[in-house]
Amino acid sequence: AVAFYMMVSATITLALLFPFMSVFALPQTVAGWVGFAGVAIGSTIGTLAFLCAFPIVGSVRATMISNVEPLLGIVFAVLVLGETISAMQLGGIAMVLAAVISTGPIGTKPDGTDGD
């Protein structure tokens, strides 16, 4: 139910904002539509999988995994797309890793289970 309301509210918000956006164009080629659909379907599956994982892995672990997503995005951009990492991005990576590592012990009990 949460995913449904997230998607509906995002759709309504974007539908209201589109008339005010100066640059919005739908894809004009088959490859563009395939990419457009891939992003829509992929992000929906990712969101649903994340929400379904909460009861299995617990909210603490799920949130920590969620905080690491930008780092994984940078890693895949470097490996798959050949992007280069700037000094500012390295600083951001260090801060995110420090935050994830520093919050890990707070959400766990002495026996190693998460605090859910």
PDB file of N, CA and C in Angstrom:
ATOM      1  N   ALA A   1       0.819  -1.191   0.000  1.00  0.00           N
ATOM      2  CA  ALA A   1       0.000   0.000   0.000  1.00  0.00           C
ATOM      3  C   ALA A   1       0.865   1.257   0.000  1.00  0.00           C
ATOM      4  N   VAL A   2       2.001   1.196   0.712  1.00  0.00           N
ATOM      5  CA  VAL A   2       2.882   2.358   0.773  1.00  0.00           C
ATOM      6  C   VAL A   2       3.417   2.691  -0.615  1.00  0.00           C
ATOM      7  N   ALA A   3       3.843   1.666  -1.344  1.00  0.00           N
ATOM      8  CA  ALA A   3       4.388   1.888  -2.690  1.00  0.00           C
ATOM      9  C   ALA A   3       3.334   2.503  -3.603  1.00  0.00           C
ATOM     10  N   PHE A   4       2.106   2.042  -3.485  1.00  0.00           N
ATOM     11  CA  PHE A   4       1.024   2.576  -4.316  1.00  0.00           C
ATOM     12  C   PHE A   4       0.849   4.068  -4.067  1.00  0.00           C
ATOM     13  N   TYR A   5       0.781   4.463  -2.796  1.00  0.00           N
ATOM     14  CA  TYR A   5       0.578   5.875  -2.477  1.00  0.00           C
ATOM     15  C   TYR A   5       1.793   6.720  -2.868  1.00  0.00           C
ATOM     16  N   MET A   6       2.995   6.143  -2.760  1.00  0.00           N
ATOM     17  CA  MET A   6       4.189   6.861  -3.210  1.00  0.00           C
ATOM     18  C   MET A   6       4.118   7.145  -4.702  1.00  0.00           C
ATOM     19  N   MET A   7       3.754   6.127  -5.471  1.00  0.00           N
ATOM     20  CA  MET A   7       3.701   6.284  -6.925  1.00  0.00           C
ATOM     21  C   MET A   7       2.582   7.239  -7.352  1.00  0.00           C
ATOM     22  N   VAL A   8       1.425   7.140  -6.701  1.00  0.00           N
ATOM     23  CA  VAL A   8       0.302   8.020  -7.045  1.00  0.00           C
ATOM     24  C   VAL A   8       0.643   9.470  -6.716  1.00  0.00           C
ATOM     25  N   SER A   9       1.222   9.706  -5.536  1.00  0.00           N
ATOM     26  CA  SER A   9       1.553  11.089  -5.171  1.00  0.00           C
ATOM     27  C   SER A   9       2.637  11.654  -6.086  1.00  0.00           C
ATOM     28  N   ALA A  10       3.610  10.843  -6.480  1.00  0.00           N
ATOM     29  CA  ALA A  10       4.643  11.312  -7.411  1.00  0.00           C
ATOM     30  C   ALA A  10       4.041  11.634  -8.772  1.00  0.00           C
ATOM     31  N   THR A  11       3.123  10.800  -9.233  1.00  0.00           N
ATOM     32  CA  THR A  11       2.479  11.031 -10.529  1.00  0.00           C
ATOM     33  C   THR A  11       1.671  12.325 -10.519  1.00  0.00           C
ATOM     34  N   ILE A  12       0.903  12.535  -9.469  1.00  0.00           N
ATOM     35  CA  ILE A  12       0.090  13.755  -9.372  1.00  0.00           C
ATOM     36  C   ILE A  12       0.985  14.989  -9.299  1.00  0.00           C
ATOM     37  N   THR A  13       2.034  14.917  -8.488  1.00  0.00           N
ATOM     38  CA  THR A  13       2.947  16.053  -8.359  1.00  0.00           C
ATOM     39  C   THR A  13       3.587  16.400  -9.693  1.00  0.00           C
ATOM     40  N   LEU A  14       4.096  15.385 -10.390  1.00  0.00           N
ATOM     41  CA  LEU A  14       4.729  15.650 -11.685  1.00  0.00           C
ATOM     42  C   LEU A  14       3.729  16.149 -12.721  1.00  0.00           C
ATOM     43  N   ALA A  15       2.514  15.614 -12.700  1.00  0.00           N
ATOM     44  CA  ALA A  15       1.495  16.073 -13.650  1.00  0.00           C
ATOM     45  C   ALA A  15       1.176  17.552 -13.427  1.00  0.00           C
ATOM     46  N   LEU A  16       1.200  17.990 -12.180  1.00  0.00           N
ATOM     47  CA  LEU A  16       0.945  19.400 -11.883  1.00  0.00           C
ATOM     48  C   LEU A  16       2.132  20.290 -12.250  1.00  0.00           C
ATOM     49  N   LEU A  17       3.347  19.750 -12.178  1.00  0.00           N
ATOM     50  CA  LEU A  17       4.538  20.550 -12.457  1.00  0.00           C
ATOM     51  C   LEU A  17       4.919  20.604 -13.933  1.00  0.00           C
ATOM     52  N   PHE A  18       4.536  19.601 -14.719  1.00  0.00           N
ATOM     53  CA  PHE A  18       4.938  19.542 -16.123  1.00  0.00           C
ATOM     54  C   PHE A  18       4.600  20.799 -16.926  1.00  0.00           C
ATOM     55  N   PRO A  19       3.424  21.410 -16.745  1.00  0.00           N
ATOM     56  CA  PRO A  19       3.135  22.612 -17.549  1.00  0.00           C
ATOM     57  C   PRO A  19       4.111  23.762 -17.296  1.00  0.00           C
ATOM     58  N   PHE A  20       4.762  23.777 -16.137  1.00  0.00           N
ATOM     59  CA  PHE A  20       5.674  24.865 -15.795  1.00  0.00           C
ATOM     60  C   PHE A  20       7.122  24.564 -16.161  1.00  0.00           C
ATOM     61  N   MET A  21       7.387  23.368 -16.626  1.00  0.00           N
ATOM     62  CA  MET A  21       8.748  23.000 -17.017  1.00  0.00           C
ATOM     63  C   MET A  21       8.993  23.437 -18.453  1.00  0.00           C
ATOM     64  N   SER A  22      10.115  24.108 -18.661  1.00  0.00           N
ATOM     65  CA  SER A  22      10.395  24.614 -20.004  1.00  0.00           C
ATOM     66  C   SER A  22      10.932  23.525 -20.929  1.00  0.00           C
ATOM     67  N   VAL A  23      11.622  22.540 -20.379  1.00  0.00           N
ATOM     68  CA  VAL A  23      12.211  21.502 -21.221  1.00  0.00           C
ATOM     69  C   VAL A  23      11.656  20.147 -20.808  1.00  0.00           C
ATOM     70  N   PHE A  24      10.683  19.685 -21.547  1.00  0.00           N
ATOM     71  CA  PHE A  24      10.164  18.334 -21.359  1.00  0.00           C
ATOM     72  C   PHE A  24       9.756  17.818 -22.722  1.00  0.00           C
ATOM     73  N   ALA A  25      10.361  16.725 -23.108  1.00  0.00           N
ATOM     74  CA  ALA A  25      10.034  16.138 -24.405  1.00  0.00           C
ATOM     75  C   ALA A  25      10.004  14.625 -24.265  1.00  0.00           C
ATOM     76  N   LEU A  26       8.990  14.022 -24.816  1.00  0.00           N
ATOM     77  CA  LEU A  26       8.915  12.567 -24.816  1.00  0.00           C
ATOM     78  C   LEU A  26       9.891  12.014 -25.847  1.00  0.00           C
ATOM     79  N   PRO A  27      10.334  10.775 -25.664  1.00  0.00           N
ATOM     80  CA  PRO A  27      11.270  10.181 -26.631  1.00  0.00           C
ATOM     81  C   PRO A  27      10.677  10.152 -28.038  1.00  0.00           C
ATOM     82  N   GLN A  28      11.550  10.292 -29.031  1.00  0.00           N
ATOM     83  CA  GLN A  28      11.111  10.313 -30.427  1.00  0.00           C
ATOM     84  C   GLN A  28      11.506   9.051 -31.187  1.00  0.00           C
ATOM     85  N   THR A  29      12.294   8.173 -30.562  1.00  0.00           N
ATOM     86  CA  THR A  29      12.748   6.953 -31.232  1.00  0.00           C
ATOM     87  C   THR A  29      12.352   5.732 -30.409  1.00  0.00           C
ATOM     88  N   VAL A  30      12.428   4.576 -31.041  1.00  0.00           N
ATOM     89  CA  VAL A  30      12.127   3.323 -30.336  1.00  0.00           C
ATOM     90  C   VAL A  30      13.119   3.116 -29.197  1.00  0.00           C
ATOM     91  N   ALA A  31      14.393   3.388 -29.456  1.00  0.00           N
ATOM     92  CA  ALA A  31      15.408   3.242 -28.409  1.00  0.00           C
ATOM     93  C   ALA A  31      15.116   4.174 -27.233  1.00  0.00           C
ATOM     94  N   GLY A  32      14.657   5.374 -27.529  1.00  0.00           N
ATOM     95  CA  GLY A  32      14.292   6.308 -26.468  1.00  0.00           C
ATOM     96  C   GLY A  32      13.144   5.795 -25.621  1.00  0.00           C
ATOM     97  N   TRP A  33      12.122   5.229 -26.276  1.00  0.00           N
ATOM     98  CA  TRP A  33      10.980   4.680 -25.543  1.00  0.00           C
ATOM     99  C   TRP A  33      11.381   3.456 -24.729  1.00  0.00           C
ATOM    100  N   VAL A  34      12.289   2.642 -25.262  1.00  0.00           N
ATOM    101  CA  VAL A  34      12.765   1.476 -24.508  1.00  0.00           C
ATOM    102  C   VAL A  34      13.495   1.943 -23.252  1.00  0.00           C
ATOM    103  N   GLY A  35      14.343   2.951 -23.395  1.00  0.00           N
ATOM    104  CA  GLY A  35      15.031   3.506 -22.232  1.00  0.00           C
ATOM    105  C   GLY A  35      14.069   4.130 -21.237  1.00  0.00           C
ATOM    106  N   PHE A  36      13.099   4.866 -21.746  1.00  0.00           N
ATOM    107  CA  PHE A  36      12.079   5.504 -20.907  1.00  0.00           C
ATOM    108  C   PHE A  36      11.321   4.448 -20.101  1.00  0.00           C
ATOM    109  N   ALA A  37      10.879   3.387 -20.784  1.00  0.00           N
ATOM    110  CA  ALA A  37      10.154   2.303 -20.114  1.00  0.00           C
ATOM    111  C   ALA A  37      11.059   1.561 -19.144  1.00  0.00           C
ATOM    112  N   GLY A  38      12.321   1.377 -19.518  1.00  0.00           N
ATOM    113  CA  GLY A  38      13.259   0.688 -18.635  1.00  0.00           C
ATOM    114  C   GLY A  38      13.465   1.423 -17.327  1.00  0.00           C
ATOM    115  N   VAL A  39      13.592   2.734 -17.413  1.00  0.00           N
ATOM    116  CA  VAL A  39      13.751   3.534 -16.195  1.00  0.00           C
ATOM    117  C   VAL A  39      12.486   3.459 -15.343  1.00  0.00           C
ATOM    118  N   ALA A  40      11.324   3.574 -15.974  1.00  0.00           N
ATOM    119  CA  ALA A  40      10.055   3.530 -15.231  1.00  0.00           C
ATOM    120  C   ALA A  40       9.862   2.179 -14.552  1.00  0.00           C
ATOM    121  N   ILE A  41      10.058   1.113 -15.300  1.00  0.00           N
ATOM    122  CA  ILE A  41       9.850  -0.231 -14.746  1.00  0.00           C
ATOM    123  C   ILE A  41      10.937  -0.569 -13.733  1.00  0.00           C
ATOM    124  N   GLY A  42      12.181  -0.242 -14.061  1.00  0.00           N
ATOM    125  CA  GLY A  42      13.287  -0.551 -13.151  1.00  0.00           C
ATOM    126  C   GLY A  42      13.171   0.162 -11.817  1.00  0.00           C
ATOM    127  N   SER A  43      12.822   1.439 -11.843  1.00  0.00           N
ATOM    128  CA  SER A  43      12.695   2.170 -10.578  1.00  0.00           C
ATOM    129  C   SER A  43      11.494   1.688  -9.772  1.00  0.00           C
ATOM    130  N   THR A  44      10.432   1.291 -10.451  1.00  0.00           N
ATOM    131  CA  THR A  44       9.267   0.750  -9.745  1.00  0.00           C
ATOM    132  C   THR A  44       9.615  -0.575  -9.079  1.00  0.00           C
ATOM    133  N   ILE A  45      10.290  -1.448  -9.803  1.00  0.00           N
ATOM    134  CA  ILE A  45      10.688  -2.739  -9.228  1.00  0.00           C
ATOM    135  C   ILE A  45      11.647  -2.525  -8.063  1.00  0.00           C
ATOM    136  N   GLY A  46      12.590  -1.594  -8.219  1.00  0.00           N
ATOM    137  CA  GLY A  46      13.527  -1.307  -7.141  1.00  0.00           C
ATOM    138  C   GLY A  46      12.837  -0.798  -5.883  1.00  0.00           C
ATOM    139  N   THR A  47      11.897   0.110  -6.046  1.00  0.00           N
ATOM    140  CA  THR A  47      11.160   0.640  -4.897  1.00  0.00           C
ATOM    141  C   THR A  47      10.338  -0.445  -4.221  1.00  0.00           C
ATOM    142  N   LEU A  48       9.643  -1.252  -5.015  1.00  0.00           N
ATOM    143  CA  LEU A  48       8.846  -2.339  -4.442  1.00  0.00           C
ATOM    144  C   LEU A  48       9.727  -3.359  -3.733  1.00  0.00           C
ATOM    145  N   ALA A  49      10.869  -3.704  -4.325  1.00  0.00           N
ATOM    146  CA  ALA A  49      11.779  -4.664  -3.695  1.00  0.00           C
ATOM    147  C   ALA A  49      12.307  -4.114  -2.375  1.00  0.00           C
ATOM    148  N   PHE A  50      12.637  -2.831  -2.346  1.00  0.00           N
ATOM    149  CA  PHE A  50      13.126  -2.206  -1.118  1.00  0.00           C
ATOM    150  C   PHE A  50      12.068  -2.262  -0.025  1.00  0.00           C
ATOM    151  N   LEU A  51      10.829  -1.926  -0.365  1.00  0.00           N
ATOM    152  CA  LEU A  51       9.759  -1.940   0.631  1.00  0.00           C
ATOM    153  C   LEU A  51       9.421  -3.360   1.081  1.00  0.00           C
ATOM    154  N   CYS A  52       9.501  -4.325   0.180  1.00  0.00           N
ATOM    155  CA  CYS A  52       9.241  -5.723   0.545  1.00  0.00           C
ATOM    156  C   CYS A  52      10.363  -6.297   1.399  1.00  0.00           C
ATOM    157  N   ALA A  53      11.559  -5.729   1.309  1.00  0.00           N
ATOM    158  CA  ALA A  53      12.700  -6.240   2.069  1.00  0.00           C
ATOM    159  C   ALA A  53      12.672  -5.809   3.533  1.00  0.00           C
ATOM    160  N   PHE A  54      11.934  -4.779   3.862  1.00  0.00           N
ATOM    161  CA  PHE A  54      11.891  -4.296   5.240  1.00  0.00           C
ATOM    162  C   PHE A  54      11.585  -5.393   6.251  1.00  0.00           C
ATOM    163  N   PRO A  55      10.530  -6.189   6.070  1.00  0.00           N
ATOM    164  CA  PRO A  55      10.255  -7.225   7.071  1.00  0.00           C
ATOM    165  C   PRO A  55      11.340  -8.304   7.129  1.00  0.00           C
ATOM    166  N   ILE A  56      12.069  -8.487   6.052  1.00  0.00           N
ATOM    167  CA  ILE A  56      13.068  -9.550   5.997  1.00  0.00           C
ATOM    168  C   ILE A  56      14.387  -9.112   6.630  1.00  0.00           C
ATOM    169  N   VAL A  57      14.896  -7.953   6.252  1.00  0.00           N
ATOM    170  CA  VAL A  57      16.209  -7.519   6.736  1.00  0.00           C
ATOM    171  C   VAL A  57      16.124  -6.531   7.896  1.00  0.00           C
ATOM    172  N   GLY A  58      14.968  -5.984   8.153  1.00  0.00           N
ATOM    173  CA  GLY A  58      14.810  -5.010   9.227  1.00  0.00           C
ATOM    174  C   GLY A  58      15.057  -3.595   8.725  1.00  0.00           C
ATOM    175  N   SER A  59      14.481  -2.645   9.422  1.00  0.00           N
ATOM    176  CA  SER A  59      14.550  -1.258   8.963  1.00  0.00           C
ATOM    177  C   SER A  59      15.945  -0.665   9.085  1.00  0.00           C
ATOM    178  N   VAL A  60      16.709  -1.076  10.098  1.00  0.00           N
ATOM    179  CA  VAL A  60      18.053  -0.522  10.278  1.00  0.00           C
ATOM    180  C   VAL A  60      18.948  -0.921   9.115  1.00  0.00           C
ATOM    181  N   ARG A  61      18.979  -2.211   8.802  1.00  0.00           N
ATOM    182  CA  ARG A  61      19.819  -2.674   7.690  1.00  0.00           C
ATOM    183  C   ARG A  61      19.324  -2.110   6.359  1.00  0.00           C
ATOM    184  N   ALA A  62      18.020  -2.057   6.172  1.00  0.00           N
ATOM    185  CA  ALA A  62      17.480  -1.533   4.913  1.00  0.00           C
ATOM    186  C   ALA A  62      17.869  -0.069   4.726  1.00  0.00           C
ATOM    187  N   THR A  63      17.831   0.707   5.794  1.00  0.00           N
ATOM    188  CA  THR A  63      18.206   2.112   5.712  1.00  0.00           C
ATOM    189  C   THR A  63      19.695   2.268   5.431  1.00  0.00           C
ATOM    190  N   MET A  64      20.519   1.433   6.052  1.00  0.00           N
ATOM    191  CA  MET A  64      21.957   1.494   5.788  1.00  0.00           C
ATOM    192  C   MET A  64      22.251   1.147   4.330  1.00  0.00           C
ATOM    193  N   ILE A  65      21.561   0.146   3.804  1.00  0.00           N
ATOM    194  CA  ILE A  65      21.732  -0.213   2.393  1.00  0.00           C
ATOM    195  C   ILE A  65      21.288   0.949   1.508  1.00  0.00           C
ATOM    196  N   SER A  66      20.189   1.584   1.872  1.00  0.00           N
ATOM    197  CA  SER A  66      19.687   2.723   1.101  1.00  0.00           C
ATOM    198  C   SER A  66      20.697   3.868   1.076  1.00  0.00           C
ATOM    199  N   ASN A  67      21.407   4.069   2.185  1.00  0.00           N
ATOM    200  CA  ASN A  67      22.403   5.142   2.244  1.00  0.00           C
ATOM    201  C   ASN A  67      23.633   4.853   1.388  1.00  0.00           C
ATOM    202  N   VAL A  68      23.858   3.594   1.057  1.00  0.00           N
ATOM    203  CA  VAL A  68      25.016   3.215   0.245  1.00  0.00           C
ATOM    204  C   VAL A  68      24.691   3.280  -1.254  1.00  0.00           C
ATOM    205  N   GLU A  69      23.436   3.436  -1.616  1.00  0.00           N
ATOM    206  CA  GLU A  69      23.039   3.466  -3.031  1.00  0.00           C
ATOM    207  C   GLU A  69      23.793   4.504  -3.862  1.00  0.00           C
ATOM    208  N   PRO A  70      23.980   5.740  -3.386  1.00  0.00           N
ATOM    209  CA  PRO A  70      24.735   6.696  -4.207  1.00  0.00           C
ATOM    210  C   PRO A  70      26.168   6.235  -4.489  1.00  0.00           C
ATOM    211  N   LEU A  71      26.770   5.567  -3.512  1.00  0.00           N
ATOM    212  CA  LEU A  71      28.124   5.054  -3.722  1.00  0.00           C
ATOM    213  C   LEU A  71      28.137   4.001  -4.819  1.00  0.00           C
ATOM    214  N   LEU A  72      27.153   3.121  -4.782  1.00  0.00           N
ATOM    215  CA  LEU A  72      27.065   2.096  -5.820  1.00  0.00           C
ATOM    216  C   LEU A  72      26.817   2.723  -7.187  1.00  0.00           C
ATOM    217  N   GLY A  73      26.041   3.783  -7.215  1.00  0.00           N
ATOM    218  CA  GLY A  73      25.810   4.496  -8.469  1.00  0.00           C
ATOM    219  C   GLY A  73      27.110   5.043  -9.046  1.00  0.00           C
ATOM    220  N   ILE A  74      27.962   5.586  -8.190  1.00  0.00           N
ATOM    221  CA  ILE A  74      29.252   6.105  -8.647  1.00  0.00           C
ATOM    222  C   ILE A  74      30.148   4.971  -9.127  1.00  0.00           C
ATOM    223  N   VAL A  75      30.177   3.864  -8.375  1.00  0.00           N
ATOM    224  CA  VAL A  75      31.003   2.717  -8.775  1.00  0.00           C
ATOM    225  C   VAL A  75      30.569   2.193 -10.143  1.00  0.00           C
ATOM    226  N   PHE A  76      29.266   2.015 -10.334  1.00  0.00           N
ATOM    227  CA  PHE A  76      28.781   1.523 -11.627  1.00  0.00           C
ATOM    228  C   PHE A  76      29.034   2.537 -12.747  1.00  0.00           C
ATOM    229  N   ALA A  77      28.943   3.828 -12.442  1.00  0.00           N
ATOM    230  CA  ALA A  77      29.229   4.844 -13.458  1.00  0.00           C
ATOM    231  C   ALA A  77      30.687   4.764 -13.906  1.00  0.00           C
ATOM    232  N   VAL A  78      31.583   4.500 -12.957  1.00  0.00           N
ATOM    233  CA  VAL A  78      33.002   4.373 -13.301  1.00  0.00           C
ATOM    234  C   VAL A  78      33.247   3.095 -14.090  1.00  0.00           C
ATOM    235  N   LEU A  79      32.697   1.969 -13.600  1.00  0.00           N
ATOM    236  CA  LEU A  79      32.967   0.679 -14.232  1.00  0.00           C
ATOM    237  C   LEU A  79      32.254   0.504 -15.569  1.00  0.00           C
ATOM    238  N   VAL A  80      30.998   0.914 -15.638  1.00  0.00           N
ATOM    239  CA  VAL A  80      30.197   0.654 -16.833  1.00  0.00           C
ATOM    240  C   VAL A  80      30.290   1.791 -17.851  1.00  0.00           C
ATOM    241  N   LEU A  81      30.247   3.027 -17.372  1.00  0.00           N
ATOM    242  CA  LEU A  81      30.196   4.172 -18.282  1.00  0.00           C
ATOM    243  C   LEU A  81      31.544   4.853 -18.498  1.00  0.00           C
ATOM    244  N   GLY A  82      32.550   4.445 -17.735  1.00  0.00           N
ATOM    245  CA  GLY A  82      33.870   5.049 -17.891  1.00  0.00           C
ATOM    246  C   GLY A  82      33.984   6.448 -17.317  1.00  0.00           C
ATOM    247  N   GLU A  83      33.126   6.803 -16.378  1.00  0.00           N
ATOM    248  CA  GLU A  83      33.174   8.126 -15.747  1.00  0.00           C
ATOM    249  C   GLU A  83      34.435   8.255 -14.889  1.00  0.00           C
ATOM    250  N   THR A  84      34.838   9.477 -14.619  1.00  0.00           N
ATOM    251  CA  THR A  84      35.949   9.719 -13.700  1.00  0.00           C
ATOM    252  C   THR A  84      35.397  10.344 -12.425  1.00  0.00           C
ATOM    253  N   ILE A  85      36.071  10.064 -11.319  1.00  0.00           N
ATOM    254  CA  ILE A  85      35.618  10.566 -10.018  1.00  0.00           C
ATOM    255  C   ILE A  85      36.425  11.808  -9.671  1.00  0.00           C
ATOM    256  N   SER A  86      35.725  12.872  -9.273  1.00  0.00           N
ATOM    257  CA  SER A  86      36.396  14.113  -8.886  1.00  0.00           C
ATOM    258  C   SER A  86      36.759  14.067  -7.405  1.00  0.00           C
ATOM    259  N   ALA A  87      37.570  15.018  -6.980  1.00  0.00           N
ATOM    260  CA  ALA A  87      37.957  15.102  -5.576  1.00  0.00           C
ATOM    261  C   ALA A  87      36.734  15.353  -4.694  1.00  0.00           C
ATOM    262  N   MET A  88      35.799  16.147  -5.179  1.00  0.00           N
ATOM    263  CA  MET A  88      34.593  16.425  -4.399  1.00  0.00           C
ATOM    264  C   MET A  88      33.761  15.153  -4.224  1.00  0.00           C
ATOM    265  N   GLN A  89      33.674  14.348  -5.268  1.00  0.00           N
ATOM    266  CA  GLN A  89      32.940  13.087  -5.165  1.00  0.00           C
ATOM    267  C   GLN A  89      33.624  12.142  -4.187  1.00  0.00           C
ATOM    268  N   LEU A  90      34.956  12.098  -4.206  1.00  0.00           N
ATOM    269  CA  LEU A  90      35.681  11.264  -3.245  1.00  0.00           C
ATOM    270  C   LEU A  90      35.400  11.720  -1.813  1.00  0.00           C
ATOM    271  N   GLY A  91      35.342  13.033  -1.608  1.00  0.00           N
ATOM    272  CA  GLY A  91      34.991  13.551  -0.286  1.00  0.00           C
ATOM    273  C   GLY A  91      33.584  13.145   0.118  1.00  0.00           C
ATOM    274  N   GLY A  92      32.651  13.199  -0.825  1.00  0.00           N
ATOM    275  CA  GLY A  92      31.281  12.767  -0.544  1.00  0.00           C
ATOM    276  C   GLY A  92      31.209  11.289  -0.221  1.00  0.00           C
ATOM    277  N   ILE A  93      31.964  10.486  -0.965  1.00  0.00           N
ATOM    278  CA  ILE A  93      32.011   9.045  -0.696  1.00  0.00           C
ATOM    279  C   ILE A  93      32.520   8.800   0.716  1.00  0.00           C
ATOM    280  N   ALA A  94      33.583   9.503   1.097  1.00  0.00           N
ATOM    281  CA  ALA A  94      34.143   9.334   2.439  1.00  0.00           C
ATOM    282  C   ALA A  94      33.128   9.715   3.516  1.00  0.00           C
ATOM    283  N   MET A  95      32.387  10.802   3.301  1.00  0.00           N
ATOM    284  CA  MET A  95      31.394  11.219   4.297  1.00  0.00           C
ATOM    285  C   MET A  95      30.250  10.217   4.413  1.00  0.00           C
ATOM    286  N   VAL A  96      29.768   9.710   3.281  1.00  0.00           N
ATOM    287  CA  VAL A  96      28.680   8.730   3.326  1.00  0.00           C
ATOM    288  C   VAL A  96      29.143   7.459   4.015  1.00  0.00           C
ATOM    289  N   LEU A  97      30.331   6.973   3.665  1.00  0.00           N
ATOM    290  CA  LEU A  97      30.851   5.767   4.317  1.00  0.00           C
ATOM    291  C   LEU A  97      31.035   5.982   5.815  1.00  0.00           C
ATOM    292  N   ALA A  98      31.551   7.143   6.205  1.00  0.00           N
ATOM    293  CA  ALA A  98      31.720   7.440   7.626  1.00  0.00           C
ATOM    294  C   ALA A  98      30.374   7.450   8.343  1.00  0.00           C
ATOM    295  N   ALA A  99      29.361   8.022   7.715  1.00  0.00           N
ATOM    296  CA  ALA A  99      28.029   8.058   8.334  1.00  0.00           C
ATOM    297  C   ALA A  99      27.444   6.663   8.468  1.00  0.00           C
ATOM    298  N   VAL A 100      27.572   5.845   7.432  1.00  0.00           N
ATOM    299  CA  VAL A 100      27.021   4.485   7.484  1.00  0.00           C
ATOM    300  C   VAL A 100      27.749   3.663   8.532  1.00  0.00           C
ATOM    301  N   ILE A 101      29.075   3.764   8.563  1.00  0.00           N
ATOM    302  CA  ILE A 101      29.851   2.989   9.536  1.00  0.00           C
ATOM    303  C   ILE A 101      29.569   3.462  10.953  1.00  0.00           C
ATOM    304  N   SER A 102      29.465   4.771  11.154  1.00  0.00           N
ATOM    305  CA  SER A 102      29.244   5.289  12.509  1.00  0.00           C
ATOM    306  C   SER A 102      27.847   4.993  13.038  1.00  0.00           C
ATOM    307  N   THR A 103      26.869   4.838  12.172  1.00  0.00           N
ATOM    308  CA  THR A 103      25.517   4.542  12.656  1.00  0.00           C
ATOM    309  C   THR A 103      25.259   3.053  12.786  1.00  0.00           C
ATOM    310  N   GLY A 104      26.136   2.225  12.270  1.00  0.00           N
ATOM    311  CA  GLY A 104      25.939   0.772  12.347  1.00  0.00           C
ATOM    312  C   GLY A 104      25.778   0.251  13.764  1.00  0.00           C
ATOM    313  N   PRO A 105      26.721   0.526  14.669  1.00  0.00           N
ATOM    314  CA  PRO A 105      26.618  -0.022  16.024  1.00  0.00           C
ATOM    315  C   PRO A 105      25.428   0.509  16.815  1.00  0.00           C
ATOM    316  N   ILE A 106      24.949   1.711  16.517  1.00  0.00           N
ATOM    317  CA  ILE A 106      23.833   2.287  17.263  1.00  0.00           C
ATOM    318  C   ILE A 106      22.562   1.473  17.059  1.00  0.00           C
ATOM    319  N   GLY A 107      22.355   0.966  15.860  1.00  0.00           N
ATOM    320  CA  GLY A 107      21.135   0.238  15.551  1.00  0.00           C
ATOM    321  C   GLY A 107      21.185  -1.239  15.869  1.00  0.00           C
ATOM    322  N   THR A 108      22.263  -1.705  16.546  1.00  0.00           N
ATOM    323  CA  THR A 108      22.366  -3.130  16.847  1.00  0.00           C
ATOM    324  C   THR A 108      22.360  -3.360  18.345  1.00  0.00           C
ATOM    325  N   LYS A 109      21.885  -4.519  18.722  1.00  0.00           N
ATOM    326  CA  LYS A 109      21.900  -4.930  20.116  1.00  0.00           C
ATOM    327  C   LYS A 109      23.242  -5.603  20.400  1.00  0.00           C
ATOM    328  N   PRO A 110      23.606  -5.796  21.656  1.00  0.00           N
ATOM    329  CA  PRO A 110      24.880  -6.445  21.963  1.00  0.00           C
ATOM    330  C   PRO A 110      25.030  -7.839  21.349  1.00  0.00           C
ATOM    331  N   ASP A 111      23.923  -8.550  21.117  1.00  0.00           N
ATOM    332  CA  ASP A 111      24.022  -9.889  20.535  1.00  0.00           C
ATOM    333  C   ASP A 111      24.158  -9.850  19.018  1.00  0.00           C
ATOM    334  N   GLY A 112      24.209  -8.642  18.409  1.00  0.00           N
ATOM    335  CA  GLY A 112      24.428  -8.513  16.976  1.00  0.00           C
ATOM    336  C   GLY A 112      23.167  -8.399  16.148  1.00  0.00           C
ATOM    337  N   THR A 113      21.987  -8.555  16.751  1.00  0.00           N
ATOM    338  CA  THR A 113      20.747  -8.423  15.988  1.00  0.00           C
ATOM    339  C   THR A 113      20.396  -6.951  15.875  1.00  0.00           C
ATOM    340  N   ASP A 114      19.612  -6.615  14.847  1.00  0.00           N
ATOM    341  CA  ASP A 114      19.264  -5.206  14.697  1.00  0.00           C
ATOM    342  C   ASP A 114      18.195  -4.807  15.703  1.00  0.00           C
ATOM    343  N   GLY A 115      18.109  -3.517  15.931  1.00  0.00           N
ATOM    344  CA  GLY A 115      17.271  -2.982  16.984  1.00  0.00           C
ATOM    345  C   GLY A 115      15.802  -2.854  16.659  1.00  0.00           C
ATOM    346  N   ASP A 116      15.300  -3.552  15.647  1.00  0.00           N
ATOM    347  CA  ASP A 116      13.882  -3.458  15.280  1.00  0.00           C
ATOM    348  C   ASP A 116      12.998  -4.128  16.299  1.00  0.00           C
TER     349      ASP A 116
END
